[in-house]
Amino acid sequence: MNRTPLDRLALILVIIGAVNWLLVGIANYDLVTAIFGGYLFNGTMSIYSKIVFALVGLAGLYSISLLFRENPANARE
C-alpha cells in the first residue's frame, strides 16, 4: 500500500505512543515526560508533554482511517 508522508508520520507517532505506554506498564517510566518535562511544581504537566501527548492522540485517531483504506493493488484483482 502506498503511504503518504502524513500516513508515515501518524504511524511513527503511534509507535512512539505505544513504546511510551509499554515503558509505563513495565517500568512505571514515562519517557515523554522525561524528555519534554515532567510535572511542574504545582502538579500540572508541562506544555511540551501535553503537545506531544495530543499529537500522539491525533495520530492514533488518524490511523483509524488506515484500517479502512483499500489497497489499490488489491482493488484490481
PDB file of N, CA and C in Angstrom:
ATOM      1  N   MET A   1       0.844  -1.178   0.000  1.00  0.00           N
ATOM      2  CA  MET A   1       0.000   0.000   0.000  1.00  0.00           C
ATOM      3  C   MET A   1       0.889   1.240   0.000  1.00  0.00           C
ATOM      4  N   ASN A   2       0.581   2.156  -0.868  1.00  0.00           N
ATOM      5  CA  ASN A   2       1.326   3.412  -0.916  1.00  0.00           C
ATOM      6  C   ASN A   2       0.881   4.298   0.239  1.00  0.00           C
ATOM      7  N   ARG A   3       1.833   4.746   1.007  1.00  0.00           N
ATOM      8  CA  ARG A   3       1.534   5.594   2.156  1.00  0.00           C
ATOM      9  C   ARG A   3       2.003   7.015   1.866  1.00  0.00           C
ATOM     10  N   THR A   4       1.200   7.959   2.284  1.00  0.00           N
ATOM     11  CA  THR A   4       1.563   9.359   2.145  1.00  0.00           C
ATOM     12  C   THR A   4       2.508   9.729   3.287  1.00  0.00           C
ATOM     13  N   PRO A   5       3.196  10.856   3.166  1.00  0.00           N
ATOM     14  CA  PRO A   5       4.041  11.301   4.285  1.00  0.00           C
ATOM     15  C   PRO A   5       3.245  11.495   5.582  1.00  0.00           C
ATOM     16  N   LEU A   6       1.998  11.935   5.467  1.00  0.00           N
ATOM     17  CA  LEU A   6       1.159  12.089   6.655  1.00  0.00           C
ATOM     18  C   LEU A   6       0.859  10.731   7.289  1.00  0.00           C
ATOM     19  N   ASP A   7       0.613   9.718   6.458  1.00  0.00           N
ATOM     20  CA  ASP A   7       0.401   8.361   6.971  1.00  0.00           C
ATOM     21  C   ASP A   7       1.621   7.888   7.751  1.00  0.00           C
ATOM     22  N   ARG A   8       2.783   8.096   7.195  1.00  0.00           N
ATOM     23  CA  ARG A   8       4.020   7.658   7.850  1.00  0.00           C
ATOM     24  C   ARG A   8       4.254   8.407   9.163  1.00  0.00           C
ATOM     25  N   LEU A   9       4.022   9.707   9.149  1.00  0.00           N
ATOM     26  CA  LEU A   9       4.186  10.498  10.369  1.00  0.00           C
ATOM     27  C   LEU A   9       3.224  10.017  11.451  1.00  0.00           C
ATOM     28  N   ALA A  10       1.982   9.766  11.059  1.00  0.00           N
ATOM     29  CA  ALA A  10       0.995   9.283  12.026  1.00  0.00           C
ATOM     30  C   ALA A  10       1.417   7.942  12.612  1.00  0.00           C
ATOM     31  N   LEU A  11       1.899   7.046  11.774  1.00  0.00           N
ATOM     32  CA  LEU A  11       2.331   5.740  12.268  1.00  0.00           C
ATOM     33  C   LEU A  11       3.539   5.861  13.193  1.00  0.00           C
ATOM     34  N   ILE A  12       4.458   6.746  12.874  1.00  0.00           N
ATOM     35  CA  ILE A  12       5.626   6.957  13.743  1.00  0.00           C
ATOM     36  C   ILE A  12       5.176   7.469  15.113  1.00  0.00           C
ATOM     37  N   LEU A  13       4.248   8.424  15.125  1.00  0.00           N
ATOM     38  CA  LEU A  13       3.756   8.958  16.397  1.00  0.00           C
ATOM     39  C   LEU A  13       3.001   7.901  17.197  1.00  0.00           C
ATOM     40  N   VAL A  14       2.239   7.059  16.507  1.00  0.00           N
ATOM     41  CA  VAL A  14       1.522   5.983  17.200  1.00  0.00           C
ATOM     42  C   VAL A  14       2.511   4.992  17.807  1.00  0.00           C
ATOM     43  N   ILE A  15       3.571   4.687  17.081  1.00  0.00           N
ATOM     44  CA  ILE A  15       4.597   3.777  17.604  1.00  0.00           C
ATOM     45  C   ILE A  15       5.281   4.392  18.823  1.00  0.00           C
ATOM     46  N   ILE A  16       5.585   5.685  18.758  1.00  0.00           N
ATOM     47  CA  ILE A  16       6.182   6.368  19.913  1.00  0.00           C
ATOM     48  C   ILE A  16       5.246   6.270  21.120  1.00  0.00           C
ATOM     49  N   GLY A  17       3.967   6.491  20.890  1.00  0.00           N
ATOM     50  CA  GLY A  17       2.997   6.375  21.977  1.00  0.00           C
ATOM     51  C   GLY A  17       2.919   4.964  22.533  1.00  0.00           C
ATOM     52  N   ALA A  18       2.977   3.971  21.652  1.00  0.00           N
ATOM     53  CA  ALA A  18       2.925   2.579  22.104  1.00  0.00           C
ATOM     54  C   ALA A  18       4.151   2.223  22.938  1.00  0.00           C
ATOM     55  N   VAL A  19       5.320   2.663  22.501  1.00  0.00           N
ATOM     56  CA  VAL A  19       6.545   2.397  23.264  1.00  0.00           C
ATOM     57  C   VAL A  19       6.478   3.099  24.619  1.00  0.00           C
ATOM     58  N   ASN A  20       5.954   4.313  24.635  1.00  0.00           N
ATOM     59  CA  ASN A  20       5.825   5.032  25.900  1.00  0.00           C
ATOM     60  C   ASN A  20       4.906   4.276  26.859  1.00  0.00           C
ATOM     61  N   TRP A  21       3.764   3.787  26.351  1.00  0.00           N
ATOM     62  CA  TRP A  21       2.848   3.034  27.214  1.00  0.00           C
ATOM     63  C   TRP A  21       3.463   1.713  27.667  1.00  0.00           C
ATOM     64  N   LEU A  22       4.264   1.096  26.819  1.00  0.00           N
ATOM     65  CA  LEU A  22       4.968  -0.125  27.214  1.00  0.00           C
ATOM     66  C   LEU A  22       5.890   0.157  28.395  1.00  0.00           C
ATOM     67  N   LEU A  23       6.637   1.247  28.301  1.00  0.00           N
ATOM     68  CA  LEU A  23       7.546   1.617  29.389  1.00  0.00           C
ATOM     69  C   LEU A  23       6.786   1.966  30.668  1.00  0.00           C
ATOM     70  N   VAL A  24       5.649   2.626  30.523  1.00  0.00           N
ATOM     71  CA  VAL A  24       4.834   2.954  31.698  1.00  0.00           C
ATOM     72  C   VAL A  24       4.324   1.670  32.347  1.00  0.00           C
ATOM     73  N   GLY A  25       3.867   0.733  31.517  1.00  0.00           N
ATOM     74  CA  GLY A  25       3.316  -0.508  32.051  1.00  0.00           C
ATOM     75  C   GLY A  25       4.351  -1.419  32.677  1.00  0.00           C
ATOM     76  N   ILE A  26       5.521  -1.504  32.067  1.00  0.00           N
ATOM     77  CA  ILE A  26       6.550  -2.424  32.549  1.00  0.00           C
ATOM     78  C   ILE A  26       7.403  -1.799  33.649  1.00  0.00           C
ATOM     79  N   ALA A  27       7.837  -0.577  33.440  1.00  0.00           N
ATOM     80  CA  ALA A  27       8.826   0.021  34.344  1.00  0.00           C
ATOM     81  C   ALA A  27       8.318   1.251  35.091  1.00  0.00           C
ATOM     82  N   ASN A  28       7.039   1.602  34.893  1.00  0.00           N
ATOM     83  CA  ASN A  28       6.491   2.806  35.520  1.00  0.00           C
ATOM     84  C   ASN A  28       7.345   4.033  35.179  1.00  0.00           C
ATOM     85  N   TYR A  29       7.767   4.108  33.915  1.00  0.00           N
ATOM     86  CA  TYR A  29       8.637   5.191  33.447  1.00  0.00           C
ATOM     87  C   TYR A  29       7.985   5.856  32.243  1.00  0.00           C
ATOM     88  N   ASP A  30       7.715   7.132  32.342  1.00  0.00           N
ATOM     89  CA  ASP A  30       7.090   7.884  31.255  1.00  0.00           C
ATOM     90  C   ASP A  30       8.179   8.613  30.474  1.00  0.00           C
ATOM     91  N   LEU A  31       8.529   8.069  29.327  1.00  0.00           N
ATOM     92  CA  LEU A  31       9.615   8.614  28.517  1.00  0.00           C
ATOM     93  C   LEU A  31       9.291  10.012  27.997  1.00  0.00           C
ATOM     94  N   VAL A  32       8.044  10.243  27.617  1.00  0.00           N
ATOM     95  CA  VAL A  32       7.663  11.551  27.067  1.00  0.00           C
ATOM     96  C   VAL A  32       7.868  12.649  28.105  1.00  0.00           C
ATOM     97  N   THR A  33       7.401  12.433  29.320  1.00  0.00           N
ATOM     98  CA  THR A  33       7.585  13.475  30.336  1.00  0.00           C
ATOM     99  C   THR A  33       9.043  13.581  30.762  1.00  0.00           C
ATOM    100  N   ALA A  34       9.795  12.495  30.646  1.00  0.00           N
ATOM    101  CA  ALA A  34      11.221  12.560  30.974  1.00  0.00           C
ATOM    102  C   ALA A  34      11.972  13.416  29.958  1.00  0.00           C
ATOM    103  N   ILE A  35      11.573  13.327  28.691  1.00  0.00           N
ATOM    104  CA  ILE A  35      12.256  14.086  27.638  1.00  0.00           C
ATOM    105  C   ILE A  35      11.752  15.528  27.570  1.00  0.00           C
ATOM    106  N   PHE A  36      10.436  15.702  27.608  1.00  0.00           N
ATOM    107  CA  PHE A  36       9.849  17.021  27.363  1.00  0.00           C
ATOM    108  C   PHE A  36       9.442  17.762  28.626  1.00  0.00           C
ATOM    109  N   GLY A  37       9.802  17.254  29.751  1.00  0.00           N
ATOM    110  CA  GLY A  37       9.481  17.940  31.001  1.00  0.00           C
ATOM    111  C   GLY A  37       8.361  17.246  31.729  1.00  0.00           C
ATOM    112  N   GLY A  38       8.608  16.967  32.974  1.00  0.00           N
ATOM    113  CA  GLY A  38       7.623  16.270  33.790  1.00  0.00           C
ATOM    114  C   GLY A  38       6.600  17.228  34.350  1.00  0.00           C
ATOM    115  N   TYR A  39       6.122  16.886  35.510  1.00  0.00           N
ATOM    116  CA  TYR A  39       5.121  17.709  36.165  1.00  0.00           C
ATOM    117  C   TYR A  39       5.792  18.903  36.830  1.00  0.00           C
ATOM    118  N   LEU A  40       5.125  20.019  36.762  1.00  0.00           N
ATOM    119  CA  LEU A  40       5.644  21.245  37.346  1.00  0.00           C
ATOM    120  C   LEU A  40       5.378  21.260  38.845  1.00  0.00           C
ATOM    121  N   PHE A  41       5.897  22.257  39.525  1.00  0.00           N
ATOM    122  CA  PHE A  41       5.796  22.325  40.987  1.00  0.00           C
ATOM    123  C   PHE A  41       4.362  22.326  41.484  1.00  0.00           C
ATOM    124  N   ASN A  42       3.425  22.805  40.676  1.00  0.00           N
ATOM    125  CA  ASN A  42       2.032  22.863  41.113  1.00  0.00           C
ATOM    126  C   ASN A  42       1.225  21.640  40.675  1.00  0.00           C
ATOM    127  N   GLY A  43       1.895  20.612  40.147  1.00  0.00           N
ATOM    128  CA  GLY A  43       1.218  19.370  39.789  1.00  0.00           C
ATOM    129  C   GLY A  43       0.674  19.311  38.376  1.00  0.00           C
ATOM    130  N   THR A  44       0.860  20.378  37.600  1.00  0.00           N
ATOM    131  CA  THR A  44       0.390  20.348  36.218  1.00  0.00           C
ATOM    132  C   THR A  44       1.513  19.875  35.299  1.00  0.00           C
ATOM    133  N   MET A  45       1.113  19.273  34.188  1.00  0.00           N
ATOM    134  CA  MET A  45       2.080  18.752  33.229  1.00  0.00           C
ATOM    135  C   MET A  45       2.635  19.892  32.374  1.00  0.00           C
ATOM    136  N   SER A  46       3.893  19.762  31.954  1.00  0.00           N
ATOM    137  CA  SER A  46       4.493  20.804  31.118  1.00  0.00           C
ATOM    138  C   SER A  46       3.773  20.883  29.775  1.00  0.00           C
ATOM    139  N   ILE A  47       3.794  22.044  29.179  1.00  0.00           N
ATOM    140  CA  ILE A  47       3.099  22.266  27.910  1.00  0.00           C
ATOM    141  C   ILE A  47       3.685  21.401  26.800  1.00  0.00           C
ATOM    142  N   TYR A  48       4.975  21.148  26.840  1.00  0.00           N
ATOM    143  CA  TYR A  48       5.607  20.332  25.800  1.00  0.00           C
ATOM    144  C   TYR A  48       5.129  18.888  25.865  1.00  0.00           C
ATOM    145  N   SER A  49       5.006  18.350  27.055  1.00  0.00           N
ATOM    146  CA  SER A  49       4.482  16.992  27.204  1.00  0.00           C
ATOM    147  C   SER A  49       3.035  16.924  26.737  1.00  0.00           C
ATOM    148  N   LYS A  50       2.254  17.945  27.067  1.00  0.00           N
ATOM    149  CA  LYS A  50       0.858  17.976  26.633  1.00  0.00           C
ATOM    150  C   LYS A  50       0.758  17.995  25.112  1.00  0.00           C
ATOM    151  N   ILE A  51       1.622  18.764  24.466  1.00  0.00           N
ATOM    152  CA  ILE A  51       1.612  18.837  23.000  1.00  0.00           C
ATOM    153  C   ILE A  51       1.951  17.482  22.398  1.00  0.00           C
ATOM    154  N   VAL A  52       2.979  16.820  22.935  1.00  0.00           N
ATOM    155  CA  VAL A  52       3.365  15.504  22.411  1.00  0.00           C
ATOM    156  C   VAL A  52       2.228  14.507  22.602  1.00  0.00           C
ATOM    157  N   PHE A  53       1.622  14.482  23.782  1.00  0.00           N
ATOM    158  CA  PHE A  53       0.515  13.558  24.023  1.00  0.00           C
ATOM    159  C   PHE A  53      -0.663  13.855  23.100  1.00  0.00           C
ATOM    160  N   ALA A  54      -0.955  15.127  22.857  1.00  0.00           N
ATOM    161  CA  ALA A  54      -2.045  15.491  21.953  1.00  0.00           C
ATOM    162  C   ALA A  54      -1.737  15.053  20.523  1.00  0.00           C
ATOM    163  N   LEU A  55      -0.496  15.239  20.083  1.00  0.00           N
ATOM    164  CA  LEU A  55      -0.119  14.811  18.732  1.00  0.00           C
ATOM    165  C   LEU A  55      -0.209  13.297  18.580  1.00  0.00           C
ATOM    166  N   VAL A  56       0.215  12.570  19.595  1.00  0.00           N
ATOM    167  CA  VAL A  56       0.115  11.105  19.551  1.00  0.00           C
ATOM    168  C   VAL A  56      -1.353  10.684  19.496  1.00  0.00           C
ATOM    169  N   GLY A  57      -2.192  11.340  20.268  1.00  0.00           N
ATOM    170  CA  GLY A  57      -3.620  11.030  20.241  1.00  0.00           C
ATOM    171  C   GLY A  57      -4.261  11.325  18.897  1.00  0.00           C
ATOM    172  N   LEU A  58      -3.929  12.461  18.318  1.00  0.00           N
ATOM    173  CA  LEU A  58      -4.449  12.796  16.986  1.00  0.00           C
ATOM    174  C   LEU A  58      -3.951  11.811  15.940  1.00  0.00           C
ATOM    175  N   ALA A  59      -2.695  11.408  16.061  1.00  0.00           N
ATOM    176  CA  ALA A  59      -2.141  10.427  15.127  1.00  0.00           C
ATOM    177  C   ALA A  59      -2.869   9.095  15.255  1.00  0.00           C
ATOM    178  N   GLY A  60      -3.216   8.724  16.473  1.00  0.00           N
ATOM    179  CA  GLY A  60      -3.974   7.494  16.674  1.00  0.00           C
ATOM    180  C   GLY A  60      -5.342   7.560  16.020  1.00  0.00           C
ATOM    181  N   LEU A  61      -6.015   8.685  16.167  1.00  0.00           N
ATOM    182  CA  LEU A  61      -7.319   8.848  15.519  1.00  0.00           C
ATOM    183  C   LEU A  61      -7.186   8.822  14.002  1.00  0.00           C
ATOM    184  N   TYR A  62      -6.177   9.488  13.481  1.00  0.00           N
ATOM    185  CA  TYR A  62      -5.944   9.485  12.038  1.00  0.00           C
ATOM    186  C   TYR A  62      -5.637   8.073  11.543  1.00  0.00           C
ATOM    187  N   SER A  63      -4.911   7.304  12.343  1.00  0.00           N
ATOM    188  CA  SER A  63      -4.509   5.957  11.933  1.00  0.00           C
ATOM    189  C   SER A  63      -5.692   5.008  11.807  1.00  0.00           C
ATOM    190  N   ILE A  64      -6.803   5.332  12.438  1.00  0.00           N
ATOM    191  CA  ILE A  64      -8.002   4.515  12.266  1.00  0.00           C
ATOM    192  C   ILE A  64      -8.387   4.467  10.797  1.00  0.00           C
ATOM    193  N   SER A  65      -8.209   5.578  10.090  1.00  0.00           N
ATOM    194  CA  SER A  65      -8.567   5.610   8.668  1.00  0.00           C
ATOM    195  C   SER A  65      -7.711   4.659   7.842  1.00  0.00           C
ATOM    196  N   LEU A  66      -6.500   4.368   8.318  1.00  0.00           N
ATOM    197  CA  LEU A  66      -5.626   3.450   7.584  1.00  0.00           C
ATOM    198  C   LEU A  66      -6.198   2.036   7.562  1.00  0.00           C
ATOM    199  N   LEU A  67      -6.983   1.695   8.564  1.00  0.00           N
ATOM    200  CA  LEU A  67      -7.593   0.367   8.605  1.00  0.00           C
ATOM    201  C   LEU A  67      -8.613   0.164   7.494  1.00  0.00           C
ATOM    202  N   PHE A  68      -9.250   1.233   7.076  1.00  0.00           N
ATOM    203  CA  PHE A  68     -10.358   1.124   6.146  1.00  0.00           C
ATOM    204  C   PHE A  68     -10.016   1.540   4.722  1.00  0.00           C
ATOM    205  N   ARG A  69      -8.777   1.879   4.485  1.00  0.00           N
ATOM    206  CA  ARG A  69      -8.370   2.237   3.131  1.00  0.00           C
ATOM    207  C   ARG A  69      -8.175   0.984   2.301  1.00  0.00           C
ATOM    208  N   GLU A  70      -8.629   1.064   1.081  1.00  0.00           N
ATOM    209  CA  GLU A  70      -8.475  -0.078   0.187  1.00  0.00           C
ATOM    210  C   GLU A  70      -7.121  -0.002  -0.496  1.00  0.00           C
ATOM    211  N   ASN A  71      -6.471  -1.124  -0.592  1.00  0.00           N
ATOM    212  CA  ASN A  71      -5.187  -1.206  -1.277  1.00  0.00           C
ATOM    213  C   ASN A  71      -5.455  -1.182  -2.779  1.00  0.00           C
ATOM    214  N   PRO A  72      -4.924  -0.199  -3.527  1.00  0.00           N
ATOM    215  CA  PRO A  72      -5.182  -0.118  -4.966  1.00  0.00           C
ATOM    216  C   PRO A  72      -4.747  -1.376  -5.720  1.00  0.00           C
ATOM    217  N   ALA A  73      -3.702  -2.033  -5.277  1.00  0.00           N
ATOM    218  CA  ALA A  73      -3.248  -3.253  -5.951  1.00  0.00           C
ATOM    219  C   ALA A  73      -4.269  -4.365  -5.785  1.00  0.00           C
ATOM    220  N   ASN A  74      -4.912  -4.451  -4.634  1.00  0.00           N
ATOM    221  CA  ASN A  74      -5.917  -5.483  -4.401  1.00  0.00           C
ATOM    222  C   ASN A  74      -7.235  -5.149  -5.078  1.00  0.00           C
ATOM    223  N   ALA A  75      -7.499  -3.892  -5.328  1.00  0.00           N
ATOM    224  CA  ALA A  75      -8.761  -3.483  -5.936  1.00  0.00           C
ATOM    225  C   ALA A  75      -8.855  -3.949  -7.379  1.00  0.00           C
ATOM    226  N   ARG A  76      -7.732  -4.095  -8.053  1.00  0.00           N
ATOM    227  CA  ARG A  76      -7.740  -4.509  -9.458  1.00  0.00           C
ATOM    228  C   ARG A  76      -7.985  -6.003  -9.622  1.00  0.00           C
ATOM    229  N   GLU A  77      -7.772  -6.776  -8.577  1.00  0.00           N
ATOM    230  CA  GLU A  77      -7.903  -8.232  -8.699  1.00  0.00           C
ATOM    231  C   GLU A  77      -9.330  -8.685  -8.663  1.00  0.00           C
TER     232      GLU A  77
END
